[in-house]
């Protein structure tokens, strides 16, 4: 729930779910560059956050990678996954899962996710490019009571 609150606070503050606009508003620099073997990463140096995104990605993949890297920048500042992967035995998968969960919360509102509830979770997972486990996580966070109240308020 912490991840959803953080994502929703950014959406509310910047009036958008567009990760590139949010990154810009946060003062992050986003660069599209050719990368080999990874879709993106972020670096924090000299008090600047730079997000690198593989220039060969489709637009929807770029959106997800940008949101994912914003998640890393906000949640995992100071953690260097590449260093940890190659020089420690620390399990870094939890950071990747957390950044994926943050990205889903940033990119997709409860309204967006609710549209998939009559379908198998795999359909939502395939549509947004994540594992079924992470898709189920996001689907479980949908606040139907709030959605019903909003619908009733706008349709009365």
Protein backbone atom coordinates (compact mmCIF):
# COMPACT_ATOMS: atom_id res chain seq x y z
CA UNK A 1 0.00 0.00 0.00
CA UNK A 2 2.97 2.32 0.64
CA UNK A 3 3.88 2.09 -3.05
CA UNK A 4 0.38 2.99 -4.18
CA UNK A 5 0.25 5.98 -1.80
CA UNK A 6 3.59 7.26 -3.08
CA UNK A 7 2.54 6.84 -6.72
CA UNK A 8 -0.85 8.47 -6.15
CA UNK A 9 0.77 11.40 -4.33
CA UNK A 10 2.94 12.04 -7.41
CA UNK A 11 -0.07 11.77 -9.73
CA UNK A 12 -2.03 14.19 -7.57
CA UNK A 13 0.85 16.66 -7.22
CA UNK A 14 1.78 16.72 -10.92
CA UNK A 15 -1.68 16.06 -12.41
CA UNK A 16 -0.46 13.30 -14.70
CA UNK A 17 0.40 9.61 -14.87
CA UNK A 18 2.94 10.29 -17.62
CA UNK A 19 6.26 9.16 -16.14
CA UNK A 20 8.30 11.46 -18.40
CA UNK A 21 6.39 14.52 -17.19
CA UNK A 22 6.75 13.37 -13.59
CA UNK A 23 10.48 12.75 -14.04
CA UNK A 24 10.84 16.25 -15.50
CA UNK A 25 8.85 17.78 -12.63
CA UNK A 26 11.11 15.97 -10.15
CA UNK A 27 14.14 17.47 -11.90
CA UNK A 28 15.32 14.13 -13.30
CA UNK A 29 17.10 13.99 -16.63
CA UNK A 30 15.84 11.25 -18.96
CA UNK A 31 18.09 10.08 -21.77
CA UNK A 32 17.22 7.61 -24.51
CA UNK A 33 20.44 5.79 -25.41
CA UNK A 34 21.38 2.44 -26.97
CA UNK A 35 21.74 -0.09 -24.16
CA UNK A 36 22.75 -3.73 -24.39
CA UNK A 37 21.13 -6.34 -22.18
CA UNK A 38 19.05 -3.94 -20.07
CA UNK A 39 16.02 -1.78 -20.73
CA UNK A 40 17.06 1.04 -18.43
CA UNK A 41 18.76 2.17 -15.27
CA UNK A 42 19.17 5.26 -13.17
CA UNK A 43 22.16 7.02 -11.62
CA UNK A 44 22.36 9.68 -9.01
CA UNK A 45 25.48 11.80 -9.28
CA UNK A 46 26.37 15.34 -8.37
CA UNK A 47 22.91 15.88 -6.89
CA UNK A 48 21.24 14.96 -10.19
CA UNK A 49 19.19 11.90 -11.05
CA UNK A 50 19.62 10.61 -14.59
CA UNK A 51 17.39 7.91 -16.05
CA UNK A 52 18.78 6.01 -19.04
CA UNK A 53 16.27 4.22 -21.28
CA UNK A 54 17.13 1.90 -24.14
CA UNK A 55 16.40 3.81 -27.34
CA UNK A 56 15.18 0.66 -29.13
CA UNK A 57 12.10 0.25 -26.89
CA UNK A 58 8.52 0.84 -28.00
CA UNK A 59 6.75 3.86 -26.45
CA UNK A 60 4.75 1.76 -24.00
CA UNK A 61 7.90 -0.04 -22.87
CA UNK A 62 9.61 3.34 -22.43
CA UNK A 63 6.74 4.48 -20.20
CA UNK A 64 7.04 1.41 -18.00
CA UNK A 65 10.84 1.60 -17.79
CA UNK A 66 10.72 5.31 -16.94
CA UNK A 67 8.13 4.68 -14.19
CA UNK A 68 10.17 1.71 -12.94
CA UNK A 69 13.34 3.82 -12.74
CA UNK A 70 11.50 6.65 -10.97
CA UNK A 71 10.55 3.98 -8.44
CA UNK A 72 14.18 3.00 -7.97
CA UNK A 73 15.24 6.65 -7.65
CA UNK A 74 12.64 7.35 -4.96
CA UNK A 75 12.75 4.03 -3.11
CA UNK A 76 16.30 2.75 -3.52
CA UNK A 77 18.53 5.80 -3.65
CA UNK A 78 22.10 4.78 -3.00
CA UNK A 79 21.60 1.16 -4.05
CA UNK A 80 23.63 0.10 -7.05
CA UNK A 81 22.04 -3.04 -8.45
CA UNK A 82 24.82 -3.75 -10.94
CA UNK A 83 27.42 -3.54 -8.17
CA UNK A 84 25.31 -5.65 -5.79
CA UNK A 85 24.68 -8.25 -8.50
CA UNK A 86 28.32 -8.67 -9.39
CA UNK A 87 30.05 -8.11 -6.04
CA UNK A 88 27.71 -9.31 -3.28
CA UNK A 89 25.35 -12.14 -2.45
CA UNK A 90 22.57 -9.69 -1.64
CA UNK A 91 19.24 -10.63 -3.20
CA UNK A 92 18.37 -7.72 -5.50
CA UNK A 93 15.20 -9.21 -6.99
CA UNK A 94 13.14 -7.60 -4.22
CA UNK A 95 14.20 -4.16 -5.47
CA UNK A 96 13.14 -4.99 -9.02
CA UNK A 97 9.78 -6.33 -7.86
CA UNK A 98 9.20 -3.24 -5.74
CA UNK A 99 10.06 -0.93 -8.67
CA UNK A 100 7.68 -2.91 -10.94
CA UNK A 101 4.89 -2.58 -8.36
CA UNK A 102 5.54 1.14 -8.04
CA UNK A 103 5.46 1.52 -11.84
CA UNK A 104 2.07 -0.23 -12.09
CA UNK A 105 0.65 2.04 -9.40
CA UNK A 106 2.00 5.12 -11.13
CA UNK A 107 0.84 4.21 -14.63
CA UNK A 108 -2.56 2.64 -13.94
CA UNK A 109 -5.40 4.06 -11.89
CA UNK A 110 -7.93 1.86 -10.11
CA UNK A 111 -10.34 2.65 -12.97
CA UNK A 112 -7.81 1.35 -15.51
CA UNK A 113 -7.20 -1.85 -13.56
CA UNK A 114 -10.88 -2.48 -12.76
CA UNK A 115 -11.55 -2.92 -16.49
CA UNK A 116 -9.59 -6.21 -16.31
CA UNK A 117 -11.49 -7.77 -13.42
CA UNK A 118 -13.75 -9.94 -15.55
CA UNK A 119 -10.68 -11.41 -17.27
CA UNK A 120 -7.94 -13.73 -16.06
CA UNK A 121 -5.05 -11.92 -14.33
CA UNK A 122 -2.75 -13.18 -17.08
CA UNK A 123 -4.54 -10.90 -19.54
CA UNK A 124 -3.75 -7.83 -17.43
CA UNK A 125 -0.18 -9.07 -16.90
CA UNK A 126 0.33 -9.51 -20.65
CA UNK A 127 -1.27 -6.14 -21.42
CA UNK A 128 1.09 -4.26 -19.11
CA UNK A 129 4.17 -6.46 -19.53
CA UNK A 130 4.66 -7.81 -16.01
CA UNK A 131 4.45 -11.17 -14.26
CA UNK A 132 1.07 -12.49 -13.20
CA UNK A 133 2.18 -12.18 -9.56
CA UNK A 134 2.81 -8.45 -9.91
CA UNK A 135 -0.39 -7.95 -11.91
CA UNK A 136 -2.36 -9.68 -9.12
CA UNK A 137 -0.70 -7.42 -6.57
CA UNK A 138 -1.99 -4.34 -8.43
CA UNK A 139 -5.43 -5.83 -8.99
CA UNK A 140 -5.75 -6.55 -5.26
CA UNK A 141 -5.24 -2.85 -4.47
CA UNK A 142 -8.29 -1.65 -6.41
CA UNK A 143 -10.61 0.19 -4.03
CA UNK A 144 -14.05 -0.72 -5.39
CA UNK A 145 -15.84 1.10 -2.59
CA UNK A 146 -14.15 4.35 -3.61
CA UNK A 147 -14.82 3.69 -7.31
CA UNK A 148 -18.52 3.08 -6.58
CA UNK A 149 -18.75 6.26 -4.51
CA UNK A 150 -17.12 8.30 -7.28
CA UNK A 151 -19.41 6.76 -9.89
CA UNK A 152 -22.50 7.49 -7.76
CA UNK A 153 -21.34 11.08 -7.17
CA UNK A 154 -20.82 11.77 -10.88
CA UNK A 155 -24.01 10.03 -12.00
CA UNK A 156 -26.53 11.41 -9.54
